[in-house]
C-alpha atoms as a PDB file:
ATOM      1  CA  UNK A   1     -38.029  22.241  32.359  1.00  0.00           C
ATOM      2  CA  UNK A   2     -36.879  21.288  35.856  1.00  0.00           C
ATOM      3  CA  UNK A   3     -34.624  18.586  34.411  1.00  0.00           C
ATOM      4  CA  UNK A   4     -33.030  21.107  32.065  1.00  0.00           C
ATOM      5  CA  UNK A   5     -32.404  23.509  34.975  1.00  0.00           C
ATOM      6  CA  UNK A   6     -30.754  20.746  37.007  1.00  0.00           C
ATOM      7  CA  UNK A   7     -28.675  19.729  34.022  1.00  0.00           C
ATOM      8  CA  UNK A   8     -27.481  23.304  33.511  1.00  0.00           C
ATOM      9  CA  UNK A   9     -26.607  23.648  37.200  1.00  0.00           C
ATOM     10  CA  UNK A  10     -23.977  20.899  37.074  1.00  0.00           C
ATOM     11  CA  UNK A  11     -22.123  22.412  34.114  1.00  0.00           C
ATOM     12  CA  UNK A  12     -18.996  24.554  34.499  1.00  0.00           C
ATOM     13  CA  UNK A  13     -20.818  27.659  33.336  1.00  0.00           C
ATOM     14  CA  UNK A  14     -18.243  29.962  34.940  1.00  0.00           C
ATOM     15  CA  UNK A  15     -15.957  29.275  31.978  1.00  0.00           C
ATOM     16  CA  UNK A  16     -18.463  30.522  29.398  1.00  0.00           C
ATOM     17  CA  UNK A  17     -18.230  34.278  30.132  1.00  0.00           C
ATOM     18  CA  UNK A  18     -14.434  34.077  30.231  1.00  0.00           C
ATOM     19  CA  UNK A  19     -14.347  32.166  26.946  1.00  0.00           C
ATOM     20  CA  UNK A  20     -16.718  34.627  25.253  1.00  0.00           C
ATOM     21  CA  UNK A  21     -14.725  37.660  26.417  1.00  0.00           C
ATOM     22  CA  UNK A  22     -11.477  36.091  25.208  1.00  0.00           C
ATOM     23  CA  UNK A  23     -13.029  35.067  21.890  1.00  0.00           C
ATOM     24  CA  UNK A  24     -14.555  38.454  21.102  1.00  0.00           C
ATOM     25  CA  UNK A  25     -11.655  40.470  22.532  1.00  0.00           C
ATOM     26  CA  UNK A  26      -9.079  38.406  20.679  1.00  0.00           C
ATOM     27  CA  UNK A  27     -10.944  38.670  17.397  1.00  0.00           C
ATOM     28  CA  UNK A  28     -11.227  42.438  17.802  1.00  0.00           C
ATOM     29  CA  UNK A  29      -7.490  42.734  18.535  1.00  0.00           C
ATOM     30  CA  UNK A  30      -6.314  40.889  15.463  1.00  0.00           C
ATOM     31  CA  UNK A  31      -8.914  42.571  13.256  1.00  0.00           C
ATOM     32  CA  UNK A  32      -7.685  45.949  14.499  1.00  0.00           C
ATOM     33  CA  UNK A  33      -4.094  44.922  13.813  1.00  0.00           C
ATOM     34  CA  UNK A  34      -5.068  43.906  10.273  1.00  0.00           C
ATOM     35  CA  UNK A  35      -6.787  47.268   9.750  1.00  0.00           C
ATOM     36  CA  UNK A  36      -3.677  49.160  10.842  1.00  0.00           C
ATOM     37  CA  UNK A  37      -1.384  47.208   8.580  1.00  0.00           C
ATOM     38  CA  UNK A  38      -2.484  44.391   6.269  1.00  0.00           C
ATOM     39  CA  UNK A  39       0.921  42.763   6.686  1.00  0.00           C
ATOM     40  CA  UNK A  40       0.491  42.600  10.485  1.00  0.00           C
ATOM     41  CA  UNK A  41      -0.858  39.063  10.230  1.00  0.00           C
ATOM     42  CA  UNK A  42       2.083  37.840   8.138  1.00  0.00           C
ATOM     43  CA  UNK A  43       3.788  35.309  10.352  1.00  0.00           C
ATOM     44  CA  UNK A  44       7.525  35.525  10.629  1.00  0.00           C
ATOM     45  CA  UNK A  45       9.221  32.424  12.085  1.00  0.00           C
ATOM     46  CA  UNK A  46       9.626  34.102  15.468  1.00  0.00           C
ATOM     47  CA  UNK A  47       5.986  35.165  15.577  1.00  0.00           C
ATOM     48  CA  UNK A  48       4.888  31.698  14.540  1.00  0.00           C
ATOM     49  CA  UNK A  49       6.983  30.259  17.363  1.00  0.00           C
ATOM     50  CA  UNK A  50       5.380  32.657  19.855  1.00  0.00           C
ATOM     51  CA  UNK A  51       1.928  31.544  18.776  1.00  0.00           C
ATOM     52  CA  UNK A  52       2.868  27.886  18.953  1.00  0.00           C
ATOM     53  CA  UNK A  53       4.279  28.146  22.465  1.00  0.00           C
ATOM     54  CA  UNK A  54       1.343  30.178  23.772  1.00  0.00           C
ATOM     55  CA  UNK A  55      -1.439  28.060  22.316  1.00  0.00           C
ATOM     56  CA  UNK A  56       0.160  24.632  22.751  1.00  0.00           C
ATOM     57  CA  UNK A  57       1.271  25.465  26.299  1.00  0.00           C
ATOM     58  CA  UNK A  58      -2.289  26.207  27.401  1.00  0.00           C
ATOM     59  CA  UNK A  59      -3.652  23.236  25.465  1.00  0.00           C
ATOM     60  CA  UNK A  60      -1.196  20.869  27.175  1.00  0.00           C
ATOM     61  CA  UNK A  61      -2.124  22.296  30.572  1.00  0.00           C
ATOM     62  CA  UNK A  62      -5.807  21.695  29.828  1.00  0.00           C
ATOM     63  CA  UNK A  63      -5.125  18.162  28.617  1.00  0.00           C
ATOM     64  CA  UNK A  64      -3.330  17.423  31.889  1.00  0.00           C
ATOM     65  CA  UNK A  65      -6.415  18.351  33.895  1.00  0.00           C
ATOM     66  CA  UNK A  66      -5.533  21.883  34.957  1.00  0.00           C
ATOM     67  CA  UNK A  67      -8.745  23.943  35.198  1.00  0.00           C
ATOM     68  CA  UNK A  68      -9.382  26.511  32.460  1.00  0.00           C
ATOM     69  CA  UNK A  69      -8.964  29.609  34.641  1.00  0.00           C
ATOM     70  CA  UNK A  70      -5.811  28.256  36.269  1.00  0.00           C
ATOM     71  CA  UNK A  71      -4.302  27.394  32.881  1.00  0.00           C
ATOM     72  CA  UNK A  72      -4.969  30.918  31.673  1.00  0.00           C
ATOM     73  CA  UNK A  73      -3.441  32.534  34.746  1.00  0.00           C
ATOM     74  CA  UNK A  74      -0.517  30.219  35.396  1.00  0.00           C
ATOM     75  CA  UNK A  75       0.481  29.338  31.817  1.00  0.00           C
ATOM     76  CA  UNK A  76      -0.886  31.919  29.369  1.00  0.00           C
ATOM     77  CA  UNK A  77      -0.074  35.082  31.312  1.00  0.00           C
ATOM     78  CA  UNK A  78       3.637  34.314  31.912  1.00  0.00           C
ATOM     79  CA  UNK A  79       4.054  33.210  28.283  1.00  0.00           C
ATOM     80  CA  UNK A  80       2.336  36.398  27.086  1.00  0.00           C
ATOM     81  CA  UNK A  81       4.682  38.535  29.179  1.00  0.00           C
ATOM     82  CA  UNK A  82       7.720  36.828  27.643  1.00  0.00           C
ATOM     83  CA  UNK A  83       6.170  37.247  24.188  1.00  0.00           C
ATOM     84  CA  UNK A  84       5.621  40.948  24.853  1.00  0.00           C
ATOM     85  CA  UNK A  85       9.260  41.403  25.858  1.00  0.00           C
ATOM     86  CA  UNK A  86      10.444  39.410  22.835  1.00  0.00           C
ATOM     87  CA  UNK A  87       8.260  41.411  20.455  1.00  0.00           C
ATOM     88  CA  UNK A  88       9.680  44.666  21.824  1.00  0.00           C
ATOM     89  CA  UNK A  89      13.230  43.416  21.361  1.00  0.00           C
ATOM     90  CA  UNK A  90      12.607  41.971  17.893  1.00  0.00           C
ATOM     91  CA  UNK A  91      10.527  44.893  16.670  1.00  0.00           C
ATOM     92  CA  UNK A  92       7.347  43.097  15.638  1.00  0.00           C
ATOM     93  CA  UNK A  93       3.819  43.934  16.719  1.00  0.00           C
ATOM     94  CA  UNK A  94       2.505  41.969  19.682  1.00  0.00           C
ATOM     95  CA  UNK A  95      -1.135  42.880  18.963  1.00  0.00           C
ATOM     96  CA  UNK A  96      -1.847  40.212  16.315  1.00  0.00           C
ATOM     97  CA  UNK A  97      -0.108  37.522  18.371  1.00  0.00           C
ATOM     98  CA  UNK A  98      -2.143  38.387  21.438  1.00  0.00           C
ATOM     99  CA  UNK A  99      -5.343  38.589  19.396  1.00  0.00           C
ATOM    100  CA  UNK A 100      -4.887  35.194  17.792  1.00  0.00           C
ATOM    101  CA  UNK A 101      -3.944  33.592  21.105  1.00  0.00           C
ATOM    102  CA  UNK A 102      -6.929  35.093  22.929  1.00  0.00           C
ATOM    103  CA  UNK A 103      -9.220  33.874  20.149  1.00  0.00           C
ATOM    104  CA  UNK A 104      -7.773  30.369  20.493  1.00  0.00           C
ATOM    105  CA  UNK A 105      -8.131  30.450  24.286  1.00  0.00           C
ATOM    106  CA  UNK A 106     -11.749  31.525  23.881  1.00  0.00           C
ATOM    107  CA  UNK A 107     -12.344  28.654  21.466  1.00  0.00           C
ATOM    108  CA  UNK A 108     -10.805  26.237  23.993  1.00  0.00           C
ATOM    109  CA  UNK A 109     -13.118  27.550  26.711  1.00  0.00           C
ATOM    110  CA  UNK A 110     -16.376  27.138  24.788  1.00  0.00           C
ATOM    111  CA  UNK A 111     -16.505  23.326  24.959  1.00  0.00           C
ATOM    112  CA  UNK A 112     -14.995  23.375  28.454  1.00  0.00           C
ATOM    113  CA  UNK A 113     -17.975  25.404  29.662  1.00  0.00           C
ATOM    114  CA  UNK A 114     -20.213  22.493  28.680  1.00  0.00           C
ATOM    115  CA  UNK A 115     -18.282  19.868  30.637  1.00  0.00           C
ATOM    116  CA  UNK A 116     -19.533  18.810  34.063  1.00  0.00           C
ATOM    117  CA  UNK A 117     -17.727  20.265  37.039  1.00  0.00           C
ATOM    118  CA  UNK A 118     -15.265  18.062  38.819  1.00  0.00           C
ATOM    119  CA  UNK A 119     -16.090  17.126  42.332  1.00  0.00           C
ATOM    120  CA  UNK A 120     -13.418  17.720  44.934  1.00  0.00           C
ATOM    121  CA  UNK A 121     -11.896  14.557  46.328  1.00  0.00           C
ATOM    122  CA  UNK A 122     -13.172  13.863  49.838  1.00  0.00           C
ATOM    123  CA  UNK A 123     -10.041  12.042  50.981  1.00  0.00           C
ATOM    124  CA  UNK A 124      -6.472  12.296  49.769  1.00  0.00           C
ATOM    125  CA  UNK A 125      -5.446   9.535  47.406  1.00  0.00           C
ATOM    126  CA  UNK A 126      -3.213   6.862  48.894  1.00  0.00           C
ATOM    127  CA  UNK A 127      -0.442   5.202  47.016  1.00  0.00           C
ATOM    128  CA  UNK A 128      -0.789   1.585  45.937  1.00  0.00           C
ATOM    129  CA  UNK A 129       1.994   0.584  48.335  1.00  0.00           C
ATOM    130  CA  UNK A 130       0.307   2.266  51.325  1.00  0.00           C
ATOM    131  CA  UNK A 131      -3.042   0.666  50.505  1.00  0.00           C
ATOM    132  CA  UNK A 132      -1.426  -2.777  50.080  1.00  0.00           C
ATOM    133  CA  UNK A 133       0.544  -2.601  53.331  1.00  0.00           C
ATOM    134  CA  UNK A 134      -2.600  -1.434  55.194  1.00  0.00           C
ATOM    135  CA  UNK A 135      -4.557  -4.379  53.778  1.00  0.00           C
ATOM    136  CA  UNK A 136      -1.757  -6.831  54.664  1.00  0.00           C
ATOM    137  CA  UNK A 137      -1.580  -5.419  58.206  1.00  0.00           C
ATOM    138  CA  UNK A 138      -5.356  -5.757  58.627  1.00  0.00           C
ATOM    139  CA  UNK A 139      -5.297  -9.291  57.271  1.00  0.00           C
ATOM    140  CA  UNK A 140      -2.471 -10.265  59.644  1.00  0.00           C
ATOM    141  CA  UNK A 141      -4.329  -8.828  62.628  1.00  0.00           C
ATOM    142  CA  UNK A 142      -7.487 -10.799  61.819  1.00  0.00           C
ATOM    143  CA  UNK A 143      -5.723 -14.090  61.064  1.00  0.00           C
ATOM    144  CA  UNK A 144      -3.628 -14.231  64.249  1.00  0.00           C
ATOM    145  CA  UNK A 145      -4.792 -16.885  66.739  1.00  0.00           C
ATOM    146  CA  UNK A 146      -6.582 -15.609  69.814  1.00  0.00           C
END
């Protein structure tokens, strides 16, 4: 039991509540949109493009190592605001788009909550050139005749 507790402590469990809220909230949004109008989930090319940009944008951020919460705040929120403005101008409902995107973001967060947390780097990374010149300088200092 103690091993299981230790194992759970190193997981990124902070992502799980966020992922569950997004998953359930998103599902409820698009189900409500479908109840209002069965054609609400029919994807027009513009709506399909909105979904693609929103979901793929967050997925690419996650694949490049951006933490889940940061990807949601720095990528998903600005895209959603643009989508909201575009939906108002084009006259389509934003509710199903938001619902499907939130469901996808929740699905992304479920496996991420099981990944181990990253440890912060203790020292800033040096470039290869800086490390090589430091090693050459050290070698020269040690090999000089005394």
